[in-house]
Amino acid sequence: MIVGLIEFLKRRLNRVILVCCVIMALLVGFDALLLDKNKAHTAAEHLPGFWAVFGLVSCVVIIFVSKWFGKLGITRREDYYDQ
């Protein structure tokens, strides 16, 4: 079932990217127009969409660090234990 979902999303990758960008724009717009920022704890929280962009950047960093860490030696060849 999950493989079918992944294949479905791969075939419609441009739409998936467009939907994600629209959701991000809506989050930034909601943050900029509707949220009260008078009680923000840091200066960065006054920027529109700070937490949305922060979350996106954090996820990208986690993905790249985990791939780098995996290539350092965690991943092994398929026949590693056959030797």
C-alpha atoms as a PDB file:
ATOM      1  CA  MET A   1       0.000   0.000   0.000  1.00  0.00           C
ATOM      2  CA  ILE A   2       2.754   2.471   0.920  1.00  0.00           C
ATOM      3  CA  VAL A   3       4.712   1.592  -2.212  1.00  0.00           C
ATOM      4  CA  GLY A   4       1.650   2.419  -4.288  1.00  0.00           C
ATOM      5  CA  LEU A   5       1.353   5.789  -2.553  1.00  0.00           C
ATOM      6  CA  ILE A   6       5.014   6.577  -3.190  1.00  0.00           C
ATOM      7  CA  GLU A   7       4.686   5.654  -6.873  1.00  0.00           C
ATOM      8  CA  PHE A   8       1.521   7.761  -7.118  1.00  0.00           C
ATOM      9  CA  LEU A   9       3.333  10.787  -5.668  1.00  0.00           C
ATOM     10  CA  LYS A  10       6.409  10.226  -7.882  1.00  0.00           C
ATOM     11  CA  ARG A  11       4.243  10.287 -10.999  1.00  0.00           C
ATOM     12  CA  ARG A  12       2.794  13.628  -9.867  1.00  0.00           C
ATOM     13  CA  LEU A  13       5.974  15.196  -8.488  1.00  0.00           C
ATOM     14  CA  ASN A  14       5.356  18.638 -10.022  1.00  0.00           C
ATOM     15  CA  ARG A  15       1.920  18.819  -8.384  1.00  0.00           C
ATOM     16  CA  VAL A  16       3.322  17.684  -5.037  1.00  0.00           C
ATOM     17  CA  ILE A  17       5.973  20.415  -5.165  1.00  0.00           C
ATOM     18  CA  LEU A  18       3.344  23.005  -6.131  1.00  0.00           C
ATOM     19  CA  VAL A  19       1.040  21.960  -3.274  1.00  0.00           C
ATOM     20  CA  CYS A  20       3.931  22.130  -0.780  1.00  0.00           C
ATOM     21  CA  CYS A  21       4.895  25.619  -1.981  1.00  0.00           C
ATOM     22  CA  VAL A  22       1.278  26.794  -1.726  1.00  0.00           C
ATOM     23  CA  ILE A  23       1.003  25.425   1.821  1.00  0.00           C
ATOM     24  CA  MET A  24       4.265  27.168   2.763  1.00  0.00           C
ATOM     25  CA  ALA A  25       3.027  30.454   1.275  1.00  0.00           C
ATOM     26  CA  LEU A  26      -0.260  30.134   3.181  1.00  0.00           C
ATOM     27  CA  LEU A  27       1.612  29.506   6.431  1.00  0.00           C
ATOM     28  CA  VAL A  28       3.831  32.535   5.897  1.00  0.00           C
ATOM     29  CA  GLY A  29       0.813  34.673   4.972  1.00  0.00           C
ATOM     30  CA  PHE A  30      -1.119  33.494   8.020  1.00  0.00           C
ATOM     31  CA  ASP A  31       1.881  34.232  10.218  1.00  0.00           C
ATOM     32  CA  ALA A  32       2.449  37.678   8.711  1.00  0.00           C
ATOM     33  CA  LEU A  33      -1.162  38.846   8.750  1.00  0.00           C
ATOM     34  CA  LEU A  34      -3.009  37.151  11.576  1.00  0.00           C
ATOM     35  CA  LEU A  35      -0.632  36.292  14.408  1.00  0.00           C
ATOM     36  CA  ASP A  36       0.115  38.692  17.241  1.00  0.00           C
ATOM     37  CA  LYS A  37       3.861  39.147  17.627  1.00  0.00           C
ATOM     38  CA  ASN A  38       3.873  41.479  20.621  1.00  0.00           C
ATOM     39  CA  LYS A  39       4.955  38.711  22.984  1.00  0.00           C
ATOM     40  CA  ALA A  40       7.698  37.224  20.791  1.00  0.00           C
ATOM     41  CA  HIS A  41      10.711  36.051  22.773  1.00  0.00           C
ATOM     42  CA  THR A  42      13.416  36.767  20.182  1.00  0.00           C
ATOM     43  CA  ALA A  43      13.949  39.274  17.393  1.00  0.00           C
ATOM     44  CA  ALA A  44      13.770  36.534  14.777  1.00  0.00           C
ATOM     45  CA  GLU A  45      10.197  35.693  15.789  1.00  0.00           C
ATOM     46  CA  HIS A  46       9.088  39.113  14.531  1.00  0.00           C
ATOM     47  CA  LEU A  47       9.959  38.071  10.962  1.00  0.00           C
ATOM     48  CA  PRO A  48       6.980  36.794   8.968  1.00  0.00           C
ATOM     49  CA  GLY A  49       7.104  33.026   8.499  1.00  0.00           C
ATOM     50  CA  PHE A  50      10.141  32.529  10.716  1.00  0.00           C
ATOM     51  CA  TRP A  51       8.980  29.243  12.230  1.00  0.00           C
ATOM     52  CA  ALA A  52       7.823  27.831   8.887  1.00  0.00           C
ATOM     53  CA  VAL A  53      11.177  28.590   7.270  1.00  0.00           C
ATOM     54  CA  PHE A  54      13.021  27.401  10.379  1.00  0.00           C
ATOM     55  CA  GLY A  55      11.185  24.066  10.243  1.00  0.00           C
ATOM     56  CA  LEU A  56      11.886  23.622   6.535  1.00  0.00           C
ATOM     57  CA  VAL A  57      15.589  24.404   6.906  1.00  0.00           C
ATOM     58  CA  SER A  58      15.837  22.121   9.947  1.00  0.00           C
ATOM     59  CA  CYS A  59      14.324  19.197   8.043  1.00  0.00           C
ATOM     60  CA  VAL A  60      16.679  19.715   5.108  1.00  0.00           C
ATOM     61  CA  VAL A  61      19.692  19.849   7.449  1.00  0.00           C
ATOM     62  CA  ILE A  62      18.571  16.651   9.213  1.00  0.00           C
ATOM     63  CA  ILE A  63      18.228  14.848   5.864  1.00  0.00           C
ATOM     64  CA  PHE A  64      21.657  15.881   4.596  1.00  0.00           C
ATOM     65  CA  VAL A  65      23.410  15.172   7.908  1.00  0.00           C
ATOM     66  CA  SER A  66      21.833  11.724   8.152  1.00  0.00           C
ATOM     67  CA  LYS A  67      22.845  10.894   4.560  1.00  0.00           C
ATOM     68  CA  TRP A  68      26.392  12.074   5.251  1.00  0.00           C
ATOM     69  CA  PHE A  69      26.505  10.101   8.500  1.00  0.00           C
ATOM     70  CA  GLY A  70      25.220   7.005   6.720  1.00  0.00           C
ATOM     71  CA  LYS A  71      27.928   7.230   4.079  1.00  0.00           C
ATOM     72  CA  LEU A  72      30.629   7.443   6.761  1.00  0.00           C
ATOM     73  CA  GLY A  73      30.254   3.795   7.565  1.00  0.00           C
ATOM     74  CA  ILE A  74      26.859   2.919   8.939  1.00  0.00           C
ATOM     75  CA  THR A  75      25.686   1.473   5.635  1.00  0.00           C
ATOM     76  CA  ARG A  76      27.396  -1.717   4.550  1.00  0.00           C
ATOM     77  CA  ARG A  77      27.448  -3.804   1.402  1.00  0.00           C
ATOM     78  CA  GLU A  78      24.720  -6.415   1.107  1.00  0.00           C
ATOM     79  CA  ASP A  79      27.273  -9.236   1.371  1.00  0.00           C
ATOM     80  CA  TYR A  80      29.015  -7.786   4.431  1.00  0.00           C
ATOM     81  CA  TYR A  81      28.020 -10.644   6.752  1.00  0.00           C
ATOM     82  CA  ASP A  82      28.633 -13.368   4.150  1.00  0.00           C
ATOM     83  CA  GLN A  83      32.401 -13.081   4.459  1.00  0.00           C
END
